[in-house]
Amino acid sequence: KYQSGNSDFQNQLNKDNYNRLDYGLSGGIGLDFAKF
């Protein structure tokens, strides 16, 4: 997406220019309240 002043443009990108596979590590903290 590109925005200049009051003008907005949106472009579909060629997915073949990007690696389809991404990978990495996740980590976090959570609170558990019964089912929520």
All heavy atoms as atom14 arrays in JSON, in Angstrom:
{
  "sequence": "KYQSGNSDFQNQLNKDNYNRLDYGLSGGIGLDFAKF",
  "atom14_mask": [
    [1, 1, 1, 1, 1, 1, 1, 1, 1, 0, 0, 0, 0, 0],
    [1, 1, 1, 1, 1, 1, 1, 1, 1, 1, 1, 1, 0, 0],
    [1, 1, 1, 1, 1, 1, 1, 1, 1, 0, 0, 0, 0, 0],
    [1, 1, 1, 1, 1, 1, 0, 0, 0, 0, 0, 0, 0, 0],
    [1, 1, 1, 1, 0, 0, 0, 0, 0, 0, 0, 0, 0, 0],
    [1, 1, 1, 1, 1, 1, 1, 1, 0, 0, 0, 0, 0, 0],
    [1, 1, 1, 1, 1, 1, 0, 0, 0, 0, 0, 0, 0, 0],
    [1, 1, 1, 1, 1, 1, 1, 1, 0, 0, 0, 0, 0, 0],
    [1, 1, 1, 1, 1, 1, 1, 1, 1, 1, 1, 0, 0, 0],
    [1, 1, 1, 1, 1, 1, 1, 1, 1, 0, 0, 0, 0, 0],
    [1, 1, 1, 1, 1, 1, 1, 1, 0, 0, 0, 0, 0, 0],
    [1, 1, 1, 1, 1, 1, 1, 1, 1, 0, 0, 0, 0, 0],
    [1, 1, 1, 1, 1, 1, 1, 1, 0, 0, 0, 0, 0, 0],
    [1, 1, 1, 1, 1, 1, 1, 1, 0, 0, 0, 0, 0, 0],
    [1, 1, 1, 1, 1, 1, 1, 1, 1, 0, 0, 0, 0, 0],
    [1, 1, 1, 1, 1, 1, 1, 1, 0, 0, 0, 0, 0, 0],
    [1, 1, 1, 1, 1, 1, 1, 1, 0, 0, 0, 0, 0, 0],
    [1, 1, 1, 1, 1, 1, 1, 1, 1, 1, 1, 1, 0, 0],
    [1, 1, 1, 1, 1, 1, 1, 1, 0, 0, 0, 0, 0, 0],
    [1, 1, 1, 1, 1, 1, 1, 1, 1, 1, 1, 0, 0, 0],
    [1, 1, 1, 1, 1, 1, 1, 1, 0, 0, 0, 0, 0, 0],
    [1, 1, 1, 1, 1, 1, 1, 1, 0, 0, 0, 0, 0, 0],
    [1, 1, 1, 1, 1, 1, 1, 1, 1, 1, 1, 1, 0, 0],
    [1, 1, 1, 1, 0, 0, 0, 0, 0, 0, 0, 0, 0, 0],
    [1, 1, 1, 1, 1, 1, 1, 1, 0, 0, 0, 0, 0, 0],
    [1, 1, 1, 1, 1, 1, 0, 0, 0, 0, 0, 0, 0, 0],
    [1, 1, 1, 1, 0, 0, 0, 0, 0, 0, 0, 0, 0, 0],
    [1, 1, 1, 1, 0, 0, 0, 0, 0, 0, 0, 0, 0, 0],
    [1, 1, 1, 1, 1, 1, 1, 1, 0, 0, 0, 0, 0, 0],
    [1, 1, 1, 1, 0, 0, 0, 0, 0, 0, 0, 0, 0, 0],
    [1, 1, 1, 1, 1, 1, 1, 1, 0, 0, 0, 0, 0, 0],
    [1, 1, 1, 1, 1, 1, 1, 1, 0, 0, 0, 0, 0, 0],
    [1, 1, 1, 1, 1, 1, 1, 1, 1, 1, 1, 0, 0, 0],
    [1, 1, 1, 1, 1, 0, 0, 0, 0, 0, 0, 0, 0, 0],
    [1, 1, 1, 1, 1, 1, 1, 1, 1, 0, 0, 0, 0, 0],
    [1, 1, 1, 1, 1, 1, 1, 1, 1, 1, 1, 0, 0, 0]
  ],
  "atom14_positions": [
    [[0.85, -1.19, 0.0], [0.0, 0.0, 0.0], [0.89, 1.24, 0.0], [1.95, 1.25, 0.62], [-0.92, 0.01, 1.22], [-1.97, -1.08, 1.22], [-2.86, -0.98, 2.45], [-3.91, -2.08, 2.46], [-4.79, -2.01, 3.65], [0.0, 0.0, 0.0], [0.0, 0.0, 0.0], [0.0, 0.0, 0.0], [0.0, 0.0, 0.0], [0.0, 0.0, 0.0]],
    [[0.4, 2.26, -0.69], [1.14, 3.52, -0.75], [0.14, 4.66, -0.6], [-0.9, 4.69, -1.28], [1.88, 3.64, -2.08], [2.58, 4.97, -2.27], [3.77, 5.25, -1.6], [2.04, 5.95, -3.11], [4.41, 6.47, -1.76], [2.68, 7.17, -3.28], [3.86, 7.43, -2.6], [4.49, 8.64, -2.76], [0.0, 0.0, 0.0], [0.0, 0.0, 0.0]],
    [[0.43, 5.57, 0.33], [-0.44, 6.7, 0.57], [0.37, 7.99, 0.46], [1.4, 8.14, 1.12], [-1.09, 6.61, 1.95], [-2.05, 7.75, 2.26], [-2.62, 7.65, 3.66], [-1.91, 7.35, 4.6], [-3.92, 7.87, 3.78], [0.0, 0.0, 0.0], [0.0, 0.0, 0.0], [0.0, 0.0, 0.0], [0.0, 0.0, 0.0], [0.0, 0.0, 0.0]],
    [[-0.11, 8.92, -0.37], [0.54, 10.22, -0.53], [-0.54, 11.29, -0.47], [-1.38, 11.37, -1.39], [1.3, 10.3, -1.85], [1.89, 11.57, -2.01], [0.0, 0.0, 0.0], [0.0, 0.0, 0.0], [0.0, 0.0, 0.0], [0.0, 0.0, 0.0], [0.0, 0.0, 0.0], [0.0, 0.0, 0.0], [0.0, 0.0, 0.0], [0.0, 0.0, 0.0]],
    [[-0.53, 12.08, 0.6], [-1.58, 13.07, 0.76], [-2.93, 12.4, 0.87], [-3.15, 11.57, 1.73], [0.0, 0.0, 0.0], [0.0, 0.0, 0.0], [0.0, 0.0, 0.0], [0.0, 0.0, 0.0], [0.0, 0.0, 0.0], [0.0, 0.0, 0.0], [0.0, 0.0, 0.0], [0.0, 0.0, 0.0], [0.0, 0.0, 0.0], [0.0, 0.0, 0.0]],
    [[-3.85, 12.74, -0.05], [-5.19, 12.15, -0.06], [-5.31, 10.97, -1.02], [-6.42, 10.47, -1.25], [-6.23, 13.22, -0.41], [-6.31, 14.32, 0.63], [-6.2, 14.05, 1.82], [-6.5, 15.55, 0.18], [0.0, 0.0, 0.0], [0.0, 0.0, 0.0], [0.0, 0.0, 0.0], [0.0, 0.0, 0.0], [0.0, 0.0, 0.0], [0.0, 0.0, 0.0]],
    [[-4.21, 10.56, -1.61], [-4.24, 9.48, -2.59], [-3.78, 8.17, -1.96], [-2.8, 8.13, -1.21], [-3.34, 9.82, -3.78], [-3.76, 11.01, -4.4], [0.0, 0.0, 0.0], [0.0, 0.0, 0.0], [0.0, 0.0, 0.0], [0.0, 0.0, 0.0], [0.0, 0.0, 0.0], [0.0, 0.0, 0.0], [0.0, 0.0, 0.0], [0.0, 0.0, 0.0]],
    [[-4.51, 7.09, -2.29], [-4.18, 5.76, -1.8], [-4.03, 4.81, -2.99], [-4.87, 4.81, -3.89], [-5.26, 5.22, -0.86], [-5.29, 5.96, 0.46], [-4.23, 6.11, 1.06], [-6.38, 6.38, 0.88], [0.0, 0.0, 0.0], [0.0, 0.0, 0.0], [0.0, 0.0, 0.0], [0.0, 0.0, 0.0], [0.0, 0.0, 0.0], [0.0, 0.0, 0.0]],
    [[-3.0, 3.99, -2.94], [-2.79, 2.99, -3.98], [-2.53, 1.65, -3.31], [-1.87, 1.57, -2.28], [-1.59, 3.36, -4.86], [-1.66, 4.73, -5.46], [-1.07, 5.81, -4.81], [-2.31, 4.95, -6.66], [-1.14, 7.08, -5.34], [-2.38, 6.23, -7.21], [-1.79, 7.29, -6.55], [0.0, 0.0, 0.0], [0.0, 0.0, 0.0], [0.0, 0.0, 0.0]],
    [[-3.06, 0.59, -3.92], [-2.83, -0.76, -3.4], [-2.42, -1.67, -4.53], [-3.0, -1.61, -5.62], [-4.08, -1.3, -2.7], [-3.86, -2.67, -2.07], [-4.98, -3.04, -1.1], [-5.62, -2.17, -0.54], [-5.21, -4.31, -0.92], [0.0, 0.0, 0.0], [0.0, 0.0, 0.0], [0.0, 0.0, 0.0], [0.0, 0.0, 0.0], [0.0, 0.0, 0.0]],
    [[-1.44, -2.5, -4.28], [-0.86, -3.37, -5.31], [-0.79, -4.81, -4.81], [-0.41, -5.04, -3.68], [0.57, -2.93, -5.57], [0.76, -2.47, -6.99], [-0.14, -2.52, -7.78], [1.96, -2.02, -7.27], [0.0, 0.0, 0.0], [0.0, 0.0, 0.0], [0.0, 0.0, 0.0], [0.0, 0.0, 0.0], [0.0, 0.0, 0.0], [0.0, 0.0, 0.0]],
    [[-1.16, -5.75, -5.68], [-0.89, -7.14, -5.37], [0.58, -7.43, -5.73], [1.03, -7.05, -6.82], [-1.8, -8.07, -6.17], [-3.26, -8.05, -5.72], [-3.4, -8.51, -4.29], [-3.89, -7.77, -3.45], [-2.97, -9.72, -3.99], [0.0, 0.0, 0.0], [0.0, 0.0, 0.0], [0.0, 0.0, 0.0], [0.0, 0.0, 0.0], [0.0, 0.0, 0.0]],
    [[1.31, -8.05, -4.83], [2.71, -8.37, -5.09], [2.83, -9.79, -5.62], [2.01, -10.66, -5.32], [3.53, -8.23, -3.79], [3.53, -6.83, -3.16], [4.34, -6.85, -1.86], [4.1, -5.8, -4.11], [0.0, 0.0, 0.0], [0.0, 0.0, 0.0], [0.0, 0.0, 0.0], [0.0, 0.0, 0.0], [0.0, 0.0, 0.0], [0.0, 0.0, 0.0]],
    [[3.86, -10.03, -6.4], [4.14, -11.35, -6.92], [4.72, -12.21, -5.8], [5.85, -11.98, -5.35], [5.11, -11.26, -8.1], [5.27, -12.6, -8.8], [4.91, -13.65, -8.27], [5.84, -12.56, -9.99], [0.0, 0.0, 0.0], [0.0, 0.0, 0.0], [0.0, 0.0, 0.0], [0.0, 0.0, 0.0], [0.0, 0.0, 0.0], [0.0, 0.0, 0.0]],
    [[3.95, -13.2, -5.34], [4.41, -14.03, -4.21], [5.66, -14.82, -4.57], [6.41, -15.24, -3.68], [3.29, -14.98, -3.77], [2.08, -14.27, -3.18], [1.11, -15.24, -2.55], [0.42, -16.12, -3.56], [-0.51, -15.36, -4.43], [0.0, 0.0, 0.0], [0.0, 0.0, 0.0], [0.0, 0.0, 0.0], [0.0, 0.0, 0.0], [0.0, 0.0, 0.0]],
    [[5.91, -15.0, -5.9], [7.1, -15.74, -6.31], [8.38, -14.98, -6.0], [9.48, -15.54, -6.04], [7.03, -16.05, -7.81], [5.95, -17.08, -8.13], [5.61, -17.86, -7.22], [5.46, -17.09, -9.27], [0.0, 0.0, 0.0], [0.0, 0.0, 0.0], [0.0, 0.0, 0.0], [0.0, 0.0, 0.0], [0.0, 0.0, 0.0], [0.0, 0.0, 0.0]],
    [[8.27, -13.67, -5.71], [9.45, -12.88, -5.34], [9.81, -13.04, -3.86], [10.82, -12.49, -3.41], [9.21, -11.4, -5.64], [9.13, -11.13, -7.13], [9.71, -11.84, -7.94], [8.39, -10.09, -7.5], [0.0, 0.0, 0.0], [0.0, 0.0, 0.0], [0.0, 0.0, 0.0], [0.0, 0.0, 0.0], [0.0, 0.0, 0.0], [0.0, 0.0, 0.0]],
    [[8.98, -13.77, -3.13], [9.2, -13.97, -1.7], [9.35, -15.46, -1.41], [8.79, -16.31, -2.12], [8.02, -13.43, -0.88], [7.85, -11.94, -1.0], [7.17, -11.38, -2.09], [8.36, -11.07, -0.03], [7.01, -10.0, -2.21], [8.2, -9.71, -0.14], [7.53, -9.18, -1.23], [7.38, -7.82, -1.35], [0.0, 0.0, 0.0], [0.0, 0.0, 0.0]],
    [[10.09, -15.78, -0.37], [10.17, -17.16, 0.07], [8.81, -17.57, 0.63], [8.26, -16.91, 1.52], [11.24, -17.34, 1.15], [12.63, -17.39, 0.56], [12.87, -18.04, -0.46], [13.57, -16.69, 1.18], [0.0, 0.0, 0.0], [0.0, 0.0, 0.0], [0.0, 0.0, 0.0], [0.0, 0.0, 0.0], [0.0, 0.0, 0.0], [0.0, 0.0, 0.0]],
    [[8.25, -18.64, 0.11], [6.94, -19.09, 0.58], [7.01, -19.61, 2.01], [6.05, -19.48, 2.77], [6.39, -20.18, -0.35], [6.05, -19.71, -1.75], [4.93, -18.69, -1.75], [4.54, -18.3, -3.08], [3.5, -18.81, -3.74], [2.76, -19.75, -3.16], [3.21, -18.38, -4.94], [0.0, 0.0, 0.0], [0.0, 0.0, 0.0], [0.0, 0.0, 0.0]],
    [[8.15, -20.2, 2.38], [8.26, -20.8, 3.71], [8.95, -19.84, 4.67], [10.02, -19.3, 4.37], [9.06, -22.12, 3.64], [9.22, -22.87, 4.96], [7.87, -23.34, 5.49], [10.17, -24.06, 4.79], [0.0, 0.0, 0.0], [0.0, 0.0, 0.0], [0.0, 0.0, 0.0], [0.0, 0.0, 0.0], [0.0, 0.0, 0.0], [0.0, 0.0, 0.0]],
    [[8.33, -19.63, 5.8], [8.93, -18.88, 6.9], [8.96, -19.78, 8.12], [8.08, -20.64, 8.3], [8.12, -17.6, 7.19], [8.76, -16.74, 8.27], [10.0, -16.63, 8.29], [8.02, -16.19, 9.11], [0.0, 0.0, 0.0], [0.0, 0.0, 0.0], [0.0, 0.0, 0.0], [0.0, 0.0, 0.0], [0.0, 0.0, 0.0], [0.0, 0.0, 0.0]],
    [[9.94, -19.61, 8.97], [10.01, -20.4, 10.19], [10.76, -19.6, 11.26], [11.48, -18.64, 10.95], [10.72, -21.74, 9.93], [12.09, -21.62, 9.32], [13.23, -21.45, 10.12], [12.26, -21.64, 7.94], [14.49, -21.33, 9.55], [13.51, -21.52, 7.37], [14.62, -21.36, 8.18], [15.86, -21.23, 7.62], [0.0, 0.0, 0.0], [0.0, 0.0, 0.0]],
    [[10.57, -20.02, 12.49], [11.22, -19.29, 13.58], [10.84, -19.84, 14.93], [10.43, -21.01, 15.06], [0.0, 0.0, 0.0], [0.0, 0.0, 0.0], [0.0, 0.0, 0.0], [0.0, 0.0, 0.0], [0.0, 0.0, 0.0], [0.0, 0.0, 0.0], [0.0, 0.0, 0.0], [0.0, 0.0, 0.0], [0.0, 0.0, 0.0], [0.0, 0.0, 0.0]],
    [[10.94, -19.0, 15.94], [10.68, -19.4, 17.32], [9.59, -18.52, 17.92], [9.52, -17.32, 17.63], [11.95, -19.27, 18.16], [13.16, -20.08, 17.7], [14.39, -19.73, 18.53], [12.85, -21.58, 17.79], [0.0, 0.0, 0.0], [0.0, 0.0, 0.0], [0.0, 0.0, 0.0], [0.0, 0.0, 0.0], [0.0, 0.0, 0.0], [0.0, 0.0, 0.0]],
    [[8.74, -19.13, 18.74], [7.67, -18.42, 19.44], [7.84, -18.59, 20.94], [8.28, -19.65, 21.4], [6.29, -18.95, 19.03], [6.0, -18.67, 17.69], [0.0, 0.0, 0.0], [0.0, 0.0, 0.0], [0.0, 0.0, 0.0], [0.0, 0.0, 0.0], [0.0, 0.0, 0.0], [0.0, 0.0, 0.0], [0.0, 0.0, 0.0], [0.0, 0.0, 0.0]],
    [[7.45, -17.57, 21.68], [7.48, -17.68, 23.14], [6.56, -16.65, 23.74], [6.35, -15.57, 23.18], [0.0, 0.0, 0.0], [0.0, 0.0, 0.0], [0.0, 0.0, 0.0], [0.0, 0.0, 0.0], [0.0, 0.0, 0.0], [0.0, 0.0, 0.0], [0.0, 0.0, 0.0], [0.0, 0.0, 0.0], [0.0, 0.0, 0.0], [0.0, 0.0, 0.0]],
    [[5.97, -16.98, 24.9], [5.06, -16.02, 25.5], [4.6, -16.44, 26.88], [5.11, -17.38, 27.5], [0.0, 0.0, 0.0], [0.0, 0.0, 0.0], [0.0, 0.0, 0.0], [0.0, 0.0, 0.0], [0.0, 0.0, 0.0], [0.0, 0.0, 0.0], [0.0, 0.0, 0.0], [0.0, 0.0, 0.0], [0.0, 0.0, 0.0], [0.0, 0.0, 0.0]],
    [[3.59, -15.72, 27.36], [3.02, -15.93, 28.68], [1.51, -15.84, 28.55], [0.99, -15.09, 27.72], [3.58, -14.89, 29.68], [3.12, -15.21, 31.11], [3.19, -13.48, 29.27], [3.84, -14.37, 32.15], [0.0, 0.0, 0.0], [0.0, 0.0, 0.0], [0.0, 0.0, 0.0], [0.0, 0.0, 0.0], [0.0, 0.0, 0.0], [0.0, 0.0, 0.0]],
    [[0.79, -16.62, 29.36], [-0.66, -16.63, 29.26], [-1.34, -16.78, 30.6], [-0.73, -17.26, 31.58], [0.0, 0.0, 0.0], [0.0, 0.0, 0.0], [0.0, 0.0, 0.0], [0.0, 0.0, 0.0], [0.0, 0.0, 0.0], [0.0, 0.0, 0.0], [0.0, 0.0, 0.0], [0.0, 0.0, 0.0], [0.0, 0.0, 0.0], [0.0, 0.0, 0.0]],
    [[-2.59, -16.38, 30.66], [-3.43, -16.54, 31.84], [-4.58, -17.47, 31.48], [-5.21, -17.32, 30.42], [-3.97, -15.19, 32.31], [-2.94, -14.17, 32.78], [-3.6, -12.83, 33.07], [-2.2, -14.68, 34.01], [0.0, 0.0, 0.0], [0.0, 0.0, 0.0], [0.0, 0.0, 0.0], [0.0, 0.0, 0.0], [0.0, 0.0, 0.0], [0.0, 0.0, 0.0]],
    [[-4.86, -18.45, 32.34], [-5.89, -19.45, 32.09], [-7.01, -19.32, 33.12], [-6.77, -19.39, 34.32], [-5.28, -20.86, 32.18], [-4.11, -21.03, 31.22], [-4.31, -20.82, 30.01], [-3.01, -21.38, 31.68], [0.0, 0.0, 0.0], [0.0, 0.0, 0.0], [0.0, 0.0, 0.0], [0.0, 0.0, 0.0], [0.0, 0.0, 0.0], [0.0, 0.0, 0.0]],
    [[-8.24, -19.12, 32.62], [-9.41, -19.01, 33.49], [-10.44, -20.02, 33.01], [-11.26, -19.72, 32.14], [-10.0, -17.6, 33.45], [-9.0, -16.51, 33.76], [-8.4, -15.79, 32.73], [-8.64, -16.22, 35.06], [-7.49, -14.79, 33.01], [-7.71, -15.22, 35.35], [-7.14, -14.51, 34.32], [0.0, 0.0, 0.0], [0.0, 0.0, 0.0], [0.0, 0.0, 0.0]],
    [[-10.35, -21.25, 33.54], [-11.24, -22.33, 33.1], [-11.12, -22.49, 31.59], [-10.05, -22.83, 31.09], [-12.68, -22.07, 33.54], [0.0, 0.0, 0.0], [0.0, 0.0, 0.0], [0.0, 0.0, 0.0], [0.0, 0.0, 0.0], [0.0, 0.0, 0.0], [0.0, 0.0, 0.0], [0.0, 0.0, 0.0], [0.0, 0.0, 0.0], [0.0, 0.0, 0.0]],
    [[-12.19, -22.21, 30.83], [-12.15, -22.39, 29.38], [-11.66, -21.15, 28.63], [-11.5, -21.17, 27.41], [-13.55, -22.75, 28.86], [-14.03, -24.13, 29.31], [-15.41, -24.4, 28.75], [-15.88, -25.8, 29.09], [-15.08, -26.84, 28.4], [0.0, 0.0, 0.0], [0.0, 0.0, 0.0], [0.0, 0.0, 0.0], [0.0, 0.0, 0.0], [0.0, 0.0, 0.0]],
    [[-11.41, -20.06, 29.34], [-11.04, -18.79, 28.72], [-9.56, -18.51, 28.97], [-9.06, -18.72, 30.08], [-11.9, -17.66, 29.28], [-11.63, -16.33, 28.68], [-12.0, -16.05, 27.38], [-10.99, -15.35, 29.41], [-11.75, -14.8, 26.81], [-10.73, -14.1, 28.86], [-11.11, -13.84, 27.56], [0.0, 0.0, 0.0], [0.0, 0.0, 0.0], [0.0, 0.0, 0.0]]
  ]
}
